[in-house]
């Protein structure tokens, strides 16, 4: 939802029925986990894409 439509945290919180602070926390954790997996893949020689490169789909 965030990567494709780029809604604000307030819009996401309204859609999910959770506080905006919860949205910020969950997005931060998801990005951190994804970056960790990307770093591990790069270290294993599976590619060197960063989180920013993956999200830059435009």
C-alpha atoms as a PDB file:
ATOM      1  CA  UNK A   1       0.000   0.000   0.000  1.00  0.00           C
ATOM      2  CA  UNK A   2       2.736   2.447   0.962  1.00  0.00           C
ATOM      3  CA  UNK A   3       5.096   1.601  -1.881  1.00  0.00           C
ATOM      4  CA  UNK A   4       2.463   1.825  -4.611  1.00  0.00           C
ATOM      5  CA  UNK A   5       0.042   4.572  -3.559  1.00  0.00           C
ATOM      6  CA  UNK A   6       2.271   6.514  -1.150  1.00  0.00           C
ATOM      7  CA  UNK A   7      -0.542   7.465   1.249  1.00  0.00           C
ATOM      8  CA  UNK A   8       0.247   9.458   4.364  1.00  0.00           C
ATOM      9  CA  UNK A   9       0.479   7.774   7.756  1.00  0.00           C
ATOM     10  CA  UNK A  10      -2.807   9.460   8.679  1.00  0.00           C
ATOM     11  CA  UNK A  11      -4.519   7.973   5.614  1.00  0.00           C
ATOM     12  CA  UNK A  12      -3.123   4.536   6.395  1.00  0.00           C
ATOM     13  CA  UNK A  13      -4.158   4.789  10.040  1.00  0.00           C
ATOM     14  CA  UNK A  14      -7.716   5.691   9.009  1.00  0.00           C
ATOM     15  CA  UNK A  15      -7.853   2.766   6.567  1.00  0.00           C
ATOM     16  CA  UNK A  16      -6.546   0.298   9.142  1.00  0.00           C
ATOM     17  CA  UNK A  17      -8.288   1.764  12.180  1.00  0.00           C
ATOM     18  CA  UNK A  18      -5.072   2.159  14.169  1.00  0.00           C
ATOM     19  CA  UNK A  19      -3.250   5.233  15.507  1.00  0.00           C
ATOM     20  CA  UNK A  20      -0.790   7.026  13.183  1.00  0.00           C
ATOM     21  CA  UNK A  21       2.013   6.278  15.656  1.00  0.00           C
ATOM     22  CA  UNK A  22       1.319   2.559  15.197  1.00  0.00           C
ATOM     23  CA  UNK A  23       1.592   2.988  11.434  1.00  0.00           C
ATOM     24  CA  UNK A  24       4.952   4.750  11.785  1.00  0.00           C
ATOM     25  CA  UNK A  25       6.259   2.018  14.069  1.00  0.00           C
ATOM     26  CA  UNK A  26       5.085  -0.824  11.846  1.00  0.00           C
ATOM     27  CA  UNK A  27       6.501   0.770   8.696  1.00  0.00           C
ATOM     28  CA  UNK A  28       9.833   1.403  10.398  1.00  0.00           C
ATOM     29  CA  UNK A  29      10.051  -2.218  11.557  1.00  0.00           C
ATOM     30  CA  UNK A  30       9.051  -3.563   8.144  1.00  0.00           C
ATOM     31  CA  UNK A  31      11.640  -1.408   6.365  1.00  0.00           C
ATOM     32  CA  UNK A  32      14.321  -2.467   8.834  1.00  0.00           C
ATOM     33  CA  UNK A  33      13.497  -6.175   8.364  1.00  0.00           C
ATOM     34  CA  UNK A  34      13.475  -5.793   4.584  1.00  0.00           C
ATOM     35  CA  UNK A  35      16.830  -3.985   4.620  1.00  0.00           C
ATOM     36  CA  UNK A  36      18.299  -6.752   6.790  1.00  0.00           C
ATOM     37  CA  UNK A  37      17.140  -9.388   4.304  1.00  0.00           C
ATOM     38  CA  UNK A  38      18.485  -7.371   1.374  1.00  0.00           C
ATOM     39  CA  UNK A  39      21.830  -6.954   3.115  1.00  0.00           C
ATOM     40  CA  UNK A  40      22.003 -10.690   3.793  1.00  0.00           C
ATOM     41  CA  UNK A  41      21.151 -11.439   0.148  1.00  0.00           C
ATOM     42  CA  UNK A  42      23.838  -9.043  -1.047  1.00  0.00           C
ATOM     43  CA  UNK A  43      26.385 -10.643   1.289  1.00  0.00           C
ATOM     44  CA  UNK A  44      25.452 -14.030  -0.141  1.00  0.00           C
ATOM     45  CA  UNK A  45      26.075 -12.720  -3.652  1.00  0.00           C
ATOM     46  CA  UNK A  46      22.410 -12.628  -4.658  1.00  0.00           C
ATOM     47  CA  UNK A  47      22.424  -8.950  -5.661  1.00  0.00           C
ATOM     48  CA  UNK A  48      23.160  -5.579  -4.173  1.00  0.00           C
ATOM     49  CA  UNK A  49      19.795  -3.809  -4.345  1.00  0.00           C
ATOM     50  CA  UNK A  50      19.068  -1.427  -1.521  1.00  0.00           C
ATOM     51  CA  UNK A  51      15.655  -0.811  -0.040  1.00  0.00           C
ATOM     52  CA  UNK A  52      15.566   2.579  -1.741  1.00  0.00           C
ATOM     53  CA  UNK A  53      16.250   1.005  -5.144  1.00  0.00           C
ATOM     54  CA  UNK A  54      13.442  -1.508  -4.705  1.00  0.00           C
ATOM     55  CA  UNK A  55      10.954   1.144  -3.660  1.00  0.00           C
ATOM     56  CA  UNK A  56      11.977   3.448  -6.511  1.00  0.00           C
ATOM     57  CA  UNK A  57       9.694   1.720  -9.012  1.00  0.00           C
ATOM     58  CA  UNK A  58       8.516   4.831 -10.854  1.00  0.00           C
END
